[in-house]
Amino acid sequence: MGDTTMNERVIAITGGHGELGRAVVAAALDQGLKVAIIDHATDQTAPAGALALGGVDLTDAAAAAEAIATVVETFGQLDALLNIAGGFIWQTVDDDRPAWDRMFALNLTTALNSCRAALPHLKQSDAGRIVNVGANGALKSVSGMGAYAASKSAVHRLTESLAEELKSTPVTVNAVLPSILDTPQNRADMPDADPALWVAPADLASVMLFLASPQARAITGALIPVTGRV
C-alpha cells in the first residue's frame, strides 16, 4: 500500500499547464507532494520538482495509459489523479459545427481515459483519490452552453458512478463544480464584470487538494459547488 505521508504522496494532474492547472501544481508542490503534469501542450516549462509529460492526447486511451504508466515508473506509485484537462465552446444548438463531439471528447473522454488508466494504481494506495472538474453551469444550462453543460454533466455522472463502484476500495471520487474562474481570458471576455466575485484558481486548488488528501476519506461521490460570490 502507498504511504499517506504527505511528502510521499504522488499526484498526477491532467491539464496542468492551464490557468487552473498551474495553480494546483504550485499548491501541490508547496505541500510537498510529488507532482506529475500530463498535458497536450508541448511548449511549456514545468516548475522545479515536477515531472512534465507533454504532447499527451488524453482522448486516446492508449496515450492516457502510457502517461500514467510513466508517472508510476518514475515515482513508484500513484495516490491521486486530478482531472483538469478540458475545454469550453459557446455554441447554440442550431449551429451544426462539431462542438458537441468536441466538448464530450475534451471534457468527458479525457477524464474517463485517465481514470481507467489510473485505477489499478490508485487501488494500491491506502488513500487513493480522484478529483474531477465539473461545472456549476452544468446544473442548469443557458443559451449557447448546451454542448459544454452536457459534457460537464456527464463528468458529474461519471464521478457519482465511479464513486459507487469503488466503495469497497480505499479510492474516493469527487468533483468540484466551479462557476467563473478569475483568469486573464475571462477578464478579457467579460470586461464589465467584477472578477472579485469570481473564483480565484488558487482557492479552487485548495478545495481540490483537500479532496485529494487522506483527510478527505469520508467524502466520496460528492459534487461540490465552488462558486465564489457569483
Protein backbone atom coordinates (compact mmCIF):
# COMPACT_ATOMS: atom_id res chain seq x y z
CA MET A 1 0.00 0.00 0.00
CA GLY A 2 1.15 3.56 -0.71
CA ASP A 3 2.29 5.76 2.16
CA THR A 4 -0.19 8.50 3.07
CA THR A 5 2.53 10.77 4.48
CA MET A 6 2.08 13.99 2.54
CA ASN A 7 5.62 14.23 1.17
CA GLU A 8 5.41 10.64 -0.05
CA ARG A 9 2.15 11.07 -1.97
CA VAL A 10 2.24 11.18 -5.75
CA ILE A 11 -0.35 13.25 -7.58
CA ALA A 12 -0.99 13.31 -11.34
CA ILE A 13 -2.62 16.45 -12.73
CA THR A 14 -4.07 16.43 -16.23
CA GLY A 15 -4.25 19.81 -17.93
CA GLY A 16 -1.56 21.00 -15.55
CA HIS A 17 -0.31 23.77 -17.85
CA GLY A 18 -3.61 25.69 -17.93
CA GLU A 19 -4.57 28.53 -15.59
CA LEU A 20 -6.20 26.25 -13.01
CA GLY A 21 -3.65 23.51 -13.57
CA ARG A 22 -0.74 25.81 -12.79
CA ALA A 23 -2.41 26.92 -9.57
CA VAL A 24 -2.96 23.30 -8.49
CA VAL A 25 0.61 22.32 -9.41
CA ALA A 26 2.06 25.21 -7.41
CA ALA A 27 -0.09 24.46 -4.37
CA ALA A 28 0.71 20.73 -4.54
CA LEU A 29 4.44 21.40 -4.67
CA ASP A 30 4.10 23.81 -1.75
CA GLN A 31 2.51 20.95 0.22
CA GLY A 32 5.46 18.72 -0.54
CA LEU A 33 3.60 16.41 -2.89
CA LYS A 34 5.33 14.64 -5.77
CA VAL A 35 3.70 16.08 -8.88
CA ALA A 36 3.30 14.82 -12.44
CA ILE A 37 1.82 17.12 -15.09
CA ILE A 38 0.06 15.46 -18.02
CA ASP A 39 -0.87 17.88 -20.78
CA HIS A 40 -1.47 18.13 -24.50
CA ALA A 41 0.78 21.19 -24.66
CA THR A 42 4.41 20.59 -25.56
CA ASP A 43 5.92 24.07 -25.24
CA GLN A 44 5.52 24.58 -21.50
CA THR A 45 8.17 24.51 -18.78
CA ALA A 46 7.32 22.61 -15.62
CA PRO A 47 8.11 24.05 -12.18
CA ALA A 48 11.18 22.67 -10.47
CA GLY A 49 10.46 19.31 -8.90
CA ALA A 50 7.55 18.36 -11.16
CA LEU A 51 7.54 15.70 -13.86
CA ALA A 52 6.12 17.11 -17.10
CA LEU A 53 4.64 14.84 -19.76
CA GLY A 54 3.71 16.93 -22.80
CA GLY A 55 2.08 16.10 -26.09
CA VAL A 56 -0.33 13.63 -24.47
CA ASP A 57 -3.69 13.24 -26.21
CA LEU A 58 -5.91 12.06 -23.36
CA THR A 59 -8.79 11.45 -25.77
CA ASP A 60 -6.71 8.41 -26.80
CA ALA A 61 -6.98 5.64 -24.20
CA ALA A 62 -3.58 4.19 -25.08
CA ALA A 63 -1.89 7.57 -24.71
CA ALA A 64 -3.53 8.09 -21.34
CA ALA A 65 -2.40 4.65 -20.18
CA GLU A 66 1.15 5.30 -21.33
CA ALA A 67 1.30 8.62 -19.49
CA ILE A 68 0.02 7.15 -16.24
CA ALA A 69 2.45 4.24 -16.57
CA THR A 70 5.31 6.72 -16.93
CA VAL A 71 4.22 8.50 -13.75
CA VAL A 72 4.22 5.23 -11.82
CA GLU A 73 7.56 4.16 -13.29
CA THR A 74 9.08 7.49 -12.26
CA PHE A 75 7.71 7.76 -8.73
CA GLY A 76 6.90 4.15 -7.89
CA GLN A 77 3.24 4.77 -7.08
CA LEU A 78 0.20 6.95 -7.72
CA ASP A 79 -2.02 8.25 -4.93
CA ALA A 80 -4.23 10.86 -6.56
CA LEU A 81 -5.49 11.88 -10.00
CA LEU A 82 -6.82 15.38 -10.60
CA ASN A 83 -8.61 15.69 -13.94
CA ILE A 84 -8.38 19.32 -15.02
CA ALA A 85 -7.92 18.78 -18.76
CA GLY A 86 -10.90 20.08 -20.71
CA GLY A 87 -12.22 22.91 -22.82
CA PHE A 88 -15.07 25.31 -23.47
CA ILE A 89 -17.01 26.19 -26.61
CA TRP A 90 -20.00 28.58 -26.69
CA GLN A 91 -22.35 27.49 -29.46
CA THR A 92 -26.10 27.49 -29.97
CA VAL A 93 -27.85 24.26 -30.84
CA ASP A 94 -28.81 25.42 -34.36
CA ASP A 95 -25.11 25.77 -35.24
CA ASP A 96 -24.08 22.46 -36.82
CA ARG A 97 -20.34 22.77 -36.30
CA PRO A 98 -18.94 19.81 -34.26
CA ALA A 99 -18.92 21.45 -30.83
CA TRP A 100 -20.85 18.63 -29.16
CA ASP A 101 -18.41 15.90 -30.13
CA ARG A 102 -15.50 18.17 -29.26
CA MET A 103 -16.87 19.03 -25.82
CA PHE A 104 -17.51 15.40 -24.93
CA ALA A 105 -14.04 14.45 -26.14
CA LEU A 106 -12.25 17.20 -24.20
CA ASN A 107 -14.29 17.12 -21.00
CA LEU A 108 -15.61 13.57 -20.60
CA THR A 109 -13.35 11.28 -22.62
CA THR A 110 -10.14 12.74 -21.20
CA ALA A 111 -11.39 12.19 -17.65
CA LEU A 112 -12.72 8.70 -18.42
CA ASN A 113 -9.47 7.54 -20.06
CA SER A 114 -7.36 8.99 -17.26
CA CYS A 115 -9.50 7.36 -14.57
CA ARG A 116 -9.39 3.97 -16.23
CA ALA A 117 -5.60 4.15 -16.62
CA ALA A 118 -5.04 5.31 -13.04
CA LEU A 119 -7.43 2.99 -11.21
CA PRO A 120 -5.18 -0.09 -10.89
CA HIS A 121 -2.51 2.09 -9.30
CA LEU A 122 -4.83 4.14 -7.11
CA LYS A 123 -6.24 0.92 -5.65
CA GLN A 124 -2.73 0.13 -4.40
CA SER A 125 -2.66 3.33 -2.35
CA ASP A 126 -4.21 3.33 1.11
CA ALA A 127 -5.76 6.71 0.25
CA GLY A 128 -6.38 6.75 -3.48
CA ARG A 129 -8.16 9.84 -4.73
CA ILE A 130 -9.79 11.06 -7.94
CA VAL A 131 -10.92 14.67 -8.23
CA ASN A 132 -12.74 15.72 -11.39
CA VAL A 133 -13.64 19.21 -12.55
CA GLY A 134 -17.31 19.57 -13.36
CA ALA A 135 -19.14 22.87 -13.71
CA ASN A 136 -21.73 24.76 -11.74
CA GLY A 137 -23.11 25.87 -15.10
CA ALA A 138 -23.95 22.26 -15.91
CA LEU A 139 -26.59 22.15 -13.17
CA LYS A 140 -28.87 24.36 -15.30
CA SER A 141 -27.77 25.29 -18.77
CA VAL A 142 -28.40 28.55 -20.61
CA SER A 143 -28.23 29.73 -24.21
CA GLY A 144 -25.10 28.68 -26.04
CA MET A 145 -23.95 26.40 -23.24
CA GLY A 146 -25.68 23.18 -24.29
CA ALA A 147 -22.63 21.26 -25.51
CA TYR A 148 -20.40 22.36 -22.66
CA ALA A 149 -23.02 21.82 -19.96
CA ALA A 150 -23.97 18.40 -21.32
CA SER A 151 -20.35 17.25 -21.33
CA LYS A 152 -19.74 18.52 -17.82
CA SER A 153 -22.98 16.95 -16.61
CA ALA A 154 -21.59 13.69 -17.97
CA VAL A 155 -18.50 14.26 -15.82
CA HIS A 156 -20.81 14.62 -12.82
CA ARG A 157 -22.47 11.29 -13.58
CA LEU A 158 -19.09 9.63 -14.16
CA THR A 159 -17.98 10.89 -10.75
CA GLU A 160 -21.05 9.54 -8.98
CA SER A 161 -21.00 6.17 -10.73
CA LEU A 162 -17.30 5.59 -10.21
CA ALA A 163 -17.57 6.55 -6.55
CA GLU A 164 -20.24 3.89 -6.06
CA GLU A 165 -18.21 1.29 -7.94
CA LEU A 166 -15.17 1.93 -5.73
CA LYS A 167 -16.79 1.98 -2.29
CA SER A 168 -15.22 -1.37 -1.44
CA THR A 169 -11.75 0.11 -2.09
CA PRO A 170 -9.72 2.92 -0.46
CA VAL A 171 -10.34 5.12 -3.53
CA THR A 172 -12.69 8.11 -3.32
CA VAL A 173 -14.06 10.02 -6.30
CA ASN A 174 -15.37 13.58 -6.10
CA ALA A 175 -15.85 16.58 -8.35
CA VAL A 176 -15.65 20.32 -7.88
CA LEU A 177 -18.21 22.49 -9.66
CA PRO A 178 -16.70 25.94 -10.17
CA SER A 179 -18.53 28.94 -11.54
CA ILE A 180 -16.43 31.60 -13.32
CA LEU A 181 -12.69 31.38 -12.74
CA ASP A 182 -10.69 34.57 -12.46
CA THR A 183 -8.42 34.10 -15.46
CA PRO A 184 -6.96 36.58 -17.98
CA GLN A 185 -9.17 35.10 -20.71
CA ASN A 186 -12.35 35.51 -18.68
CA ARG A 187 -11.40 39.08 -17.77
CA ALA A 188 -10.89 39.83 -21.46
CA ASP A 189 -14.18 38.19 -22.43
CA MET A 190 -16.18 39.94 -19.68
CA PRO A 191 -14.56 43.36 -19.22
CA ASP A 192 -17.56 44.85 -17.41
CA ALA A 193 -17.79 42.12 -14.77
CA ASP A 194 -16.25 42.27 -11.31
CA PRO A 195 -13.64 39.48 -11.10
CA ALA A 196 -13.51 39.87 -7.32
CA LEU A 197 -16.79 37.94 -7.29
CA TRP A 198 -15.32 35.05 -9.27
CA VAL A 199 -13.32 32.05 -8.07
CA ALA A 200 -9.57 32.50 -7.81
CA PRO A 201 -7.71 29.49 -9.25
CA ALA A 202 -5.67 29.25 -6.03
CA ASP A 203 -8.88 28.96 -3.99
CA LEU A 204 -10.24 26.19 -6.20
CA ALA A 205 -6.85 24.47 -5.99
CA SER A 206 -7.15 24.41 -2.20
CA VAL A 207 -10.50 22.64 -2.37
CA MET A 208 -9.23 20.12 -4.90
CA LEU A 209 -6.11 19.31 -2.91
CA PHE A 210 -8.17 18.78 0.23
CA LEU A 211 -10.34 16.29 -1.65
CA ALA A 212 -7.11 14.63 -2.86
CA SER A 213 -5.77 14.29 0.67
CA PRO A 214 -6.03 11.39 3.11
CA GLN A 215 -8.09 13.65 5.38
CA ALA A 216 -10.97 13.61 2.87
CA ARG A 217 -11.54 9.88 3.26
CA ALA A 218 -15.17 10.34 4.39
CA ILE A 219 -16.16 12.19 1.20
CA THR A 220 -16.95 10.29 -1.99
CA GLY A 221 -19.43 10.80 -4.80
CA ALA A 222 -19.78 14.47 -3.89
CA LEU A 223 -20.33 17.29 -6.38
CA ILE A 224 -19.04 20.33 -4.54
CA PRO A 225 -20.00 23.82 -5.76
CA VAL A 226 -17.13 26.31 -5.66
CA THR A 227 -18.83 29.47 -6.83
CA GLY A 228 -17.27 32.46 -5.10
CA ARG A 229 -19.84 35.25 -4.83
CA VAL A 230 -21.41 34.91 -8.25
